C-alpha atoms as a PDB file:
ATOM      1  CA  MET A   1      42.299   0.355 -12.239  1.00  0.00           C
ATOM      2  CA  SER A   2      41.533  -3.135 -13.520  1.00  0.00           C
ATOM      3  CA  GLU A   3      40.311  -4.123 -10.014  1.00  0.00           C
ATOM      4  CA  LEU A   4      37.722  -1.354 -10.157  1.00  0.00           C
ATOM      5  CA  ARG A   5      36.655  -2.390 -13.645  1.00  0.00           C
ATOM      6  CA  ASP A   6      36.351  -6.024 -12.499  1.00  0.00           C
ATOM      7  CA  SER A   7      34.135  -5.051  -9.541  1.00  0.00           C
ATOM      8  CA  LEU A   8      31.705  -3.021 -11.637  1.00  0.00           C
ATOM      9  CA  PRO A   9      28.488  -4.823 -12.492  1.00  0.00           C
ATOM     10  CA  ASP A  10      27.526  -5.828 -15.989  1.00  0.00           C
ATOM     11  CA  PRO A  11      25.928  -2.735 -17.600  1.00  0.00           C
ATOM     12  CA  ARG A  12      22.921  -4.852 -18.600  1.00  0.00           C
ATOM     13  CA  VAL A  13      22.376  -5.877 -14.986  1.00  0.00           C
ATOM     14  CA  LEU A  14      22.732  -2.269 -13.891  1.00  0.00           C
ATOM     15  CA  ASP A  15      20.108  -1.208 -16.456  1.00  0.00           C
ATOM     16  CA  ILE A  16      17.734  -3.906 -15.224  1.00  0.00           C
ATOM     17  CA  TYR A  17      18.374  -2.812 -11.640  1.00  0.00           C
ATOM     18  CA  LYS A  18      17.609   0.826 -12.490  1.00  0.00           C
ATOM     19  CA  LEU A  19      14.408  -0.239 -14.248  1.00  0.00           C
ATOM     20  CA  ALA A  20      13.337  -2.388 -11.269  1.00  0.00           C
ATOM     21  CA  VAL A  21      13.922   0.498  -8.856  1.00  0.00           C
ATOM     22  CA  GLU A  22      11.987   2.889 -11.115  1.00  0.00           C
ATOM     23  CA  MET A  23       9.098   0.440 -11.419  1.00  0.00           C
ATOM     24  CA  ALA A  24       8.970  -0.007  -7.619  1.00  0.00           C
ATOM     25  CA  ASP A  25       8.906   3.765  -7.209  1.00  0.00           C
ATOM     26  CA  ARG A  26       6.078   4.065  -9.728  1.00  0.00           C
ATOM     27  CA  ILE A  27       4.038   1.415  -7.895  1.00  0.00           C
ATOM     28  CA  SER A  28       4.471   3.369  -4.667  1.00  0.00           C
ATOM     29  CA  ALA A  29       3.406   6.589  -6.404  1.00  0.00           C
ATOM     30  CA  ARG A  30       0.397   4.856  -7.940  1.00  0.00           C
ATOM     31  CA  ARG A  31      -0.580   3.549  -4.524  1.00  0.00           C
ATOM     32  CA  ALA A  32      -0.425   7.069  -3.087  1.00  0.00           C
ATOM     33  CA  VAL A  33      -2.655   8.367  -5.912  1.00  0.00           C
ATOM     34  CA  ALA A  34      -5.099   5.507  -5.342  1.00  0.00           C
ATOM     35  CA  ASN A  35      -5.190   6.299  -1.613  1.00  0.00           C
ATOM     36  CA  ALA A  36      -5.961   9.950  -2.353  1.00  0.00           C
ATOM     37  CA  PHE A  37      -8.709   8.921  -4.788  1.00  0.00           C
ATOM     38  CA  PHE A  38     -10.380   6.520  -2.356  1.00  0.00           C
ATOM     39  CA  LEU A  39     -10.078   8.989   0.514  1.00  0.00           C
ATOM     40  CA  THR A  40     -11.803  11.635  -1.630  1.00  0.00           C
ATOM     41  CA  VAL A  41     -14.568   9.236  -2.689  1.00  0.00           C
ATOM     42  CA  ASN A  42     -15.174   8.124   0.892  1.00  0.00           C
ATOM     43  CA  THR A  43     -15.190  11.681   2.208  1.00  0.00           C
ATOM     44  CA  THR A  44     -17.749  12.605  -0.445  1.00  0.00           C
ATOM     45  CA  LEU A  45     -19.904   9.594   0.390  1.00  0.00           C
ATOM     46  CA  VAL A  46     -19.801  10.421   4.105  1.00  0.00           C
ATOM     47  CA  ALA A  47     -20.902  13.981   3.257  1.00  0.00           C
ATOM     48  CA  VAL A  48     -23.793  12.608   1.170  1.00  0.00           C
ATOM     49  CA  VAL A  49     -24.777  10.322   4.054  1.00  0.00           C
ATOM     50  CA  GLY A  50     -24.698  13.300   6.407  1.00  0.00           C
ATOM     51  CA  LEU A  51     -26.887  15.343   4.080  1.00  0.00           C
ATOM     52  CA  SER A  52     -29.278  12.412   3.641  1.00  0.00           C
ATOM     53  CA  THR A  53     -30.071  12.346   7.346  1.00  0.00           C
ATOM     54  CA  THR A  54     -31.642  15.802   7.148  1.00  0.00           C
ATOM     55  CA  GLN A  55     -34.305  14.719   4.652  1.00  0.00           C
ATOM     56  CA  PRO A  56     -37.195  12.553   5.914  1.00  0.00           C
ATOM     57  CA  ASP A  57     -37.717  10.534   2.695  1.00  0.00           C
ATOM     58  CA  SER A  58     -34.067   9.696   2.109  1.00  0.00           C
ATOM     59  CA  ALA A  59     -33.919   6.130   3.506  1.00  0.00           C
ATOM     60  CA  LEU A  60     -33.280   4.569   0.106  1.00  0.00           C
ATOM     61  CA  ARG A  61     -30.562   7.109  -0.760  1.00  0.00           C
ATOM     62  CA  PHE A  62     -28.996   6.690   2.666  1.00  0.00           C
ATOM     63  CA  THR A  63     -28.964   2.882   2.352  1.00  0.00           C
ATOM     64  CA  THR A  64     -27.625   2.987  -1.191  1.00  0.00           C
ATOM     65  CA  VAL A  65     -24.824   5.391  -0.317  1.00  0.00           C
ATOM     66  CA  CYS A  66     -23.857   3.368   2.760  1.00  0.00           C
ATOM     67  CA  LEU A  67     -23.735   0.148   0.747  1.00  0.00           C
ATOM     68  CA  ALA A  68     -21.715   1.921  -1.962  1.00  0.00           C
ATOM     69  CA  GLY A  69     -19.365   3.176   0.747  1.00  0.00           C
ATOM     70  CA  VAL A  70     -18.850  -0.337   2.069  1.00  0.00           C
ATOM     71  CA  ALA A  71     -18.151  -1.568  -1.487  1.00  0.00           C
ATOM     72  CA  VAL A  72     -15.674   1.273  -2.120  1.00  0.00           C
ATOM     73  CA  SER A  73     -13.934   0.573   1.195  1.00  0.00           C
ATOM     74  CA  VAL A  74     -13.616  -3.139   0.389  1.00  0.00           C
ATOM     75  CA  CYS A  75     -12.217  -2.318  -3.075  1.00  0.00           C
ATOM     76  CA  TRP A  76      -9.734   0.086  -1.495  1.00  0.00           C
ATOM     77  CA  TRP A  77      -8.597  -2.505   1.024  1.00  0.00           C
ATOM     78  CA  LEU A  78      -8.200  -5.168  -1.680  1.00  0.00           C
ATOM     79  CA  LEU A  79      -6.260  -2.772  -3.914  1.00  0.00           C
ATOM     80  CA  LEU A  80      -3.904  -1.955  -1.046  1.00  0.00           C
ATOM     81  CA  ARG A  81      -3.344  -5.676  -0.612  1.00  0.00           C
ATOM     82  CA  VAL A  82      -2.437  -6.045  -4.290  1.00  0.00           C
ATOM     83  CA  TYR A  83      -0.058  -3.079  -4.158  1.00  0.00           C
ATOM     84  CA  ARG A  84       1.558  -4.443  -1.008  1.00  0.00           C
ATOM     85  CA  ARG A  85       2.164  -7.852  -2.596  1.00  0.00           C
ATOM     86  CA  LEU A  86       3.448  -6.268  -5.810  1.00  0.00           C
ATOM     87  CA  ASN A  87       5.882  -4.020  -3.932  1.00  0.00           C
ATOM     88  CA  ALA A  88       7.105  -6.937  -1.828  1.00  0.00           C
ATOM     89  CA  ALA A  89       7.850  -8.914  -4.990  1.00  0.00           C
ATOM     90  CA  LYS A  90       9.590  -5.956  -6.658  1.00  0.00           C
ATOM     91  CA  PHE A  91      11.796  -5.294  -3.637  1.00  0.00           C
ATOM     92  CA  ALA A  92      12.635  -8.987  -3.330  1.00  0.00           C
ATOM     93  CA  VAL A  93      13.908  -8.852  -6.922  1.00  0.00           C
ATOM     94  CA  ILE A  94      15.817  -5.609  -6.261  1.00  0.00           C
ATOM     95  CA  ASN A  95      17.424  -7.122  -3.160  1.00  0.00           C
ATOM     96  CA  GLN A  96      18.375 -10.258  -5.085  1.00  0.00           C
ATOM     97  CA  ILE A  97      20.019  -8.202  -7.842  1.00  0.00           C
ATOM     98  CA  GLU A  98      21.949  -6.311  -5.175  1.00  0.00           C
ATOM     99  CA  ALA A  99      23.049  -9.526  -3.473  1.00  0.00           C
ATOM    100  CA  ASP A 100      24.135 -11.226  -6.679  1.00  0.00           C
ATOM    101  CA  HIS A 101      25.551  -8.424  -8.818  1.00  0.00           C
ATOM    102  CA  LEU A 102      26.194  -5.107  -7.079  1.00  0.00           C
ATOM    103  CA  PRO A 103      29.059  -4.038  -4.844  1.00  0.00           C
ATOM    104  CA  VAL A 104      26.751  -1.548  -3.104  1.00  0.00           C
ATOM    105  CA  LYS A 105      23.386  -2.630  -1.678  1.00  0.00           C
ATOM    106  CA  PRO A 106      21.366   0.493  -0.781  1.00  0.00           C
ATOM    107  CA  TYR A 107      17.954  -1.169  -0.438  1.00  0.00           C
ATOM    108  CA  THR A 108      19.287  -4.126   1.522  1.00  0.00           C
ATOM    109  CA  ASP A 109      21.271  -1.800   3.801  1.00  0.00           C
ATOM    110  CA  GLU A 110      18.215   0.397   4.286  1.00  0.00           C
ATOM    111  CA  TRP A 111      16.213  -2.543   5.652  1.00  0.00           C
ATOM    112  CA  VAL A 112      19.082  -3.496   7.956  1.00  0.00           C
ATOM    113  CA  GLU A 113      19.048   0.068   9.321  1.00  0.00           C
ATOM    114  CA  LEU A 114      15.272   0.014   9.750  1.00  0.00           C
ATOM    115  CA  MET A 115      15.382  -3.221  11.734  1.00  0.00           C
ATOM    116  CA  PRO A 116      18.783  -3.393  13.443  1.00  0.00           C
ATOM    117  CA  GLY A 117      17.654  -5.843  16.137  1.00  0.00           C
ATOM    118  CA  GLU A 118      16.627  -8.414  13.564  1.00  0.00           C
ATOM    119  CA  GLN A 119      19.982  -9.204  11.978  1.00  0.00           C
ATOM    120  CA  THR A 120      19.382 -12.920  12.407  1.00  0.00           C
ATOM    121  CA  ALA A 121      16.031 -12.860  10.606  1.00  0.00           C
ATOM    122  CA  THR A 122      16.026 -13.501   6.894  1.00  0.00           C
ATOM    123  CA  ARG A 123      15.820 -10.537   4.551  1.00  0.00           C
ATOM    124  CA  ARG A 124      12.393 -11.714   3.408  1.00  0.00           C
ATOM    125  CA  ALA A 125      11.115 -11.890   7.004  1.00  0.00           C
ATOM    126  CA  ARG A 126      12.439  -8.395   7.804  1.00  0.00           C
ATOM    127  CA  LEU A 127      10.964  -7.017   4.583  1.00  0.00           C
ATOM    128  CA  GLY A 128       7.636  -8.670   5.325  1.00  0.00           C
ATOM    129  CA  LYS A 129       7.558  -7.243   8.841  1.00  0.00           C
ATOM    130  CA  ALA A 130       8.305  -3.714   7.643  1.00  0.00           C
ATOM    131  CA  PHE A 131       5.600  -3.891   4.970  1.00  0.00           C
ATOM    132  CA  ARG A 132       3.143  -5.289   7.496  1.00  0.00           C
ATOM    133  CA  GLU A 133       3.799  -2.398   9.878  1.00  0.00           C
ATOM    134  CA  LEU A 134       3.260   0.227   7.176  1.00  0.00           C
ATOM    135  CA  GLY A 135       0.496  -1.757   5.516  1.00  0.00           C
ATOM    136  CA  ASP A 136      -1.343  -2.229   8.820  1.00  0.00           C
ATOM    137  CA  ILE A 137      -1.539   1.506   9.328  1.00  0.00           C
ATOM    138  CA  GLU A 138      -2.551   2.127   5.735  1.00  0.00           C
ATOM    139  CA  ARG A 139      -5.191  -0.629   5.737  1.00  0.00           C
ATOM    140  CA  ILE A 140      -6.911   0.715   8.855  1.00  0.00           C
ATOM    141  CA  VAL A 141      -8.392   3.681   6.968  1.00  0.00           C
ATOM    142  CA  PRO A 142     -10.615   1.717   4.540  1.00  0.00           C
ATOM    143  CA  ILE A 143     -11.672  -0.566   7.397  1.00  0.00           C
ATOM    144  CA  VAL A 144     -12.662   2.452   9.486  1.00  0.00           C
ATOM    145  CA  PHE A 145     -14.690   3.882   6.604  1.00  0.00           C
ATOM    146  CA  GLY A 146     -16.349   0.516   5.955  1.00  0.00           C
ATOM    147  CA  LEU A 147     -17.270   0.142   9.625  1.00  0.00           C
ATOM    148  CA  LEU A 148     -18.536   3.728   9.715  1.00  0.00           C
ATOM    149  CA  TYR A 149     -20.925   3.020   6.844  1.00  0.00           C
ATOM    150  CA  ILE A 150     -22.135  -0.179   8.493  1.00  0.00           C
ATOM    151  CA  VAL A 151     -22.686   1.542  11.857  1.00  0.00           C
ATOM    152  CA  LEU A 152     -24.534   4.423  10.191  1.00  0.00           C
ATOM    153  CA  LEU A 153     -26.683   2.027   8.167  1.00  0.00           C
ATOM    154  CA  VAL A 154     -27.529  -0.170  11.152  1.00  0.00           C
ATOM    155  CA  GLY A 155     -28.237   2.915  13.248  1.00  0.00           C
ATOM    156  CA  ARG A 156     -30.571   4.276  10.583  1.00  0.00           C
ATOM    157  CA  LEU A 157     -32.376   0.964  10.155  1.00  0.00           C
ATOM    158  CA  MET A 158     -32.851   0.629  13.924  1.00  0.00           C
ATOM    159  CA  THR A 159     -34.614   3.995  14.189  1.00  0.00           C
END
């Protein structure tokens, strides 16, 4: 029984670990809400651009909405970058707490399972690669919207 008690982490460390995991989860949830918000805004702006093409005197509105769409897309992309960096830092801390203080390492083990062929790579490199893969997919959407606005604007100005 004393062996089990000796292997248990300090309750203060466990509380900090729980808080770090909760904060990481909240950041991920906030990022999902932000993605939904920006997707809604961009969809609305694309609809306004589409409606603007049916009116002959709407060049100024069309240009303004396209430029606003580019600005919104850039803000979205930058926000995703901030969330990605923040999550990477939070999970680095969580992994360090696991390595230093916990007998069970669920987050560390999860990354090992996600990237089994990269056992020799450092934890930070594996974590960075996984975030890049997910982040690359996620970051494509604001880029696509931004390019769409630019193409529409250039197309309108050329006619």
